[in-house]
Amino acid sequence: MSKGKIIVTGGMGYIGSHTVVELVQSGFEAVIVDDLSNSIATVLDGIESILGSKPDFENIDLQDKKATHEIFSKHNDAIGVIHFAALKAVGESVKHPGKYYRNNITSLLNVIDAMSLLEASNLIFSSSCTIYGQPDSLPVTESSPVLPPESPYGATKQMSEQIIRDICNTGSISAISLRYFNPIGAHESALIGELPIGVPNNLLPYVTQTAAGIREKLSVFGGDYDTHDGTAMRDYIHVVDLSKAHVIACERLLNRKNQDNYE
């Protein structure tokens, strides 16, 4: 018997697709909502091969309020939403800030508004370490101060968290925001993984594409960082571990183990 239906926005993306797999393997039913703007349709085939069944897939743009409401009304027996759908390239956000504010904030507001149609209003939000800006001290923890963002992308995540917090304060929804650093890796089956469209925005796809001969060389930038050899250091988390964390966060809300409406 299913633990319940969860709507996964951006569920065809890198983290989203792995989370769909973990949800279903944990006993949930997953509904994928994605416009394929930064993913490809064959990801669904990989998910089906892993699970032995194909989750429902709804191809819509969440900036379309009417379409969003129609999909949420269709799946009004859902008991929660995991919201990944967003533009996420820091560099692009600097070049096209309006595009990022319009997409990321509008989509979130439409999703939250449509959640009123669901059986239960539980939200897991895909946030980011970018909300910490340039931290005063390391390592960064959950209690580290939120400082001015260094990109419009980071600003949209800060704004999104504030929007969710304010709406949670009304008691209409419960939510958890997960602020994570750099996810890497792939499902052990190798049927799904990170396959960015166009030039990769992250280091690991560059490494793997260079190793596979897709790209000619890997350039290492910077030699004067405050590290033992002067090169940059980054924190990484395996995408499967991260996906499992989303499932655990979802279960925390569903089992009413959260201490506040917003965590």
Foldseek 3Di string as FASTA:
>chain_A
DAPFEEEEEVLQAFLNVLLCLVNVVVRHAYEYEYQCPWHDPCSQVLSCVSVVHGGHYHRDQLLPLVSLLVVCLVVQAGAEYEYDDADAQQVVCQVPVVVRLSRLVSSLVSNQVSNLSHPHAEYEYEAAPQQQAPFPDDDDDPPGDRDDGPGSNSVSRVVSLVVQVVVLVVVRHAYEYDYDFAEADHPPVPSGHHDTDDDDSDDPVVVVCCVVVVDVDDDFDFQCDPDPRGGDDGDYDYSNVVSVVSVVRRVCVVVVVDPGSYD
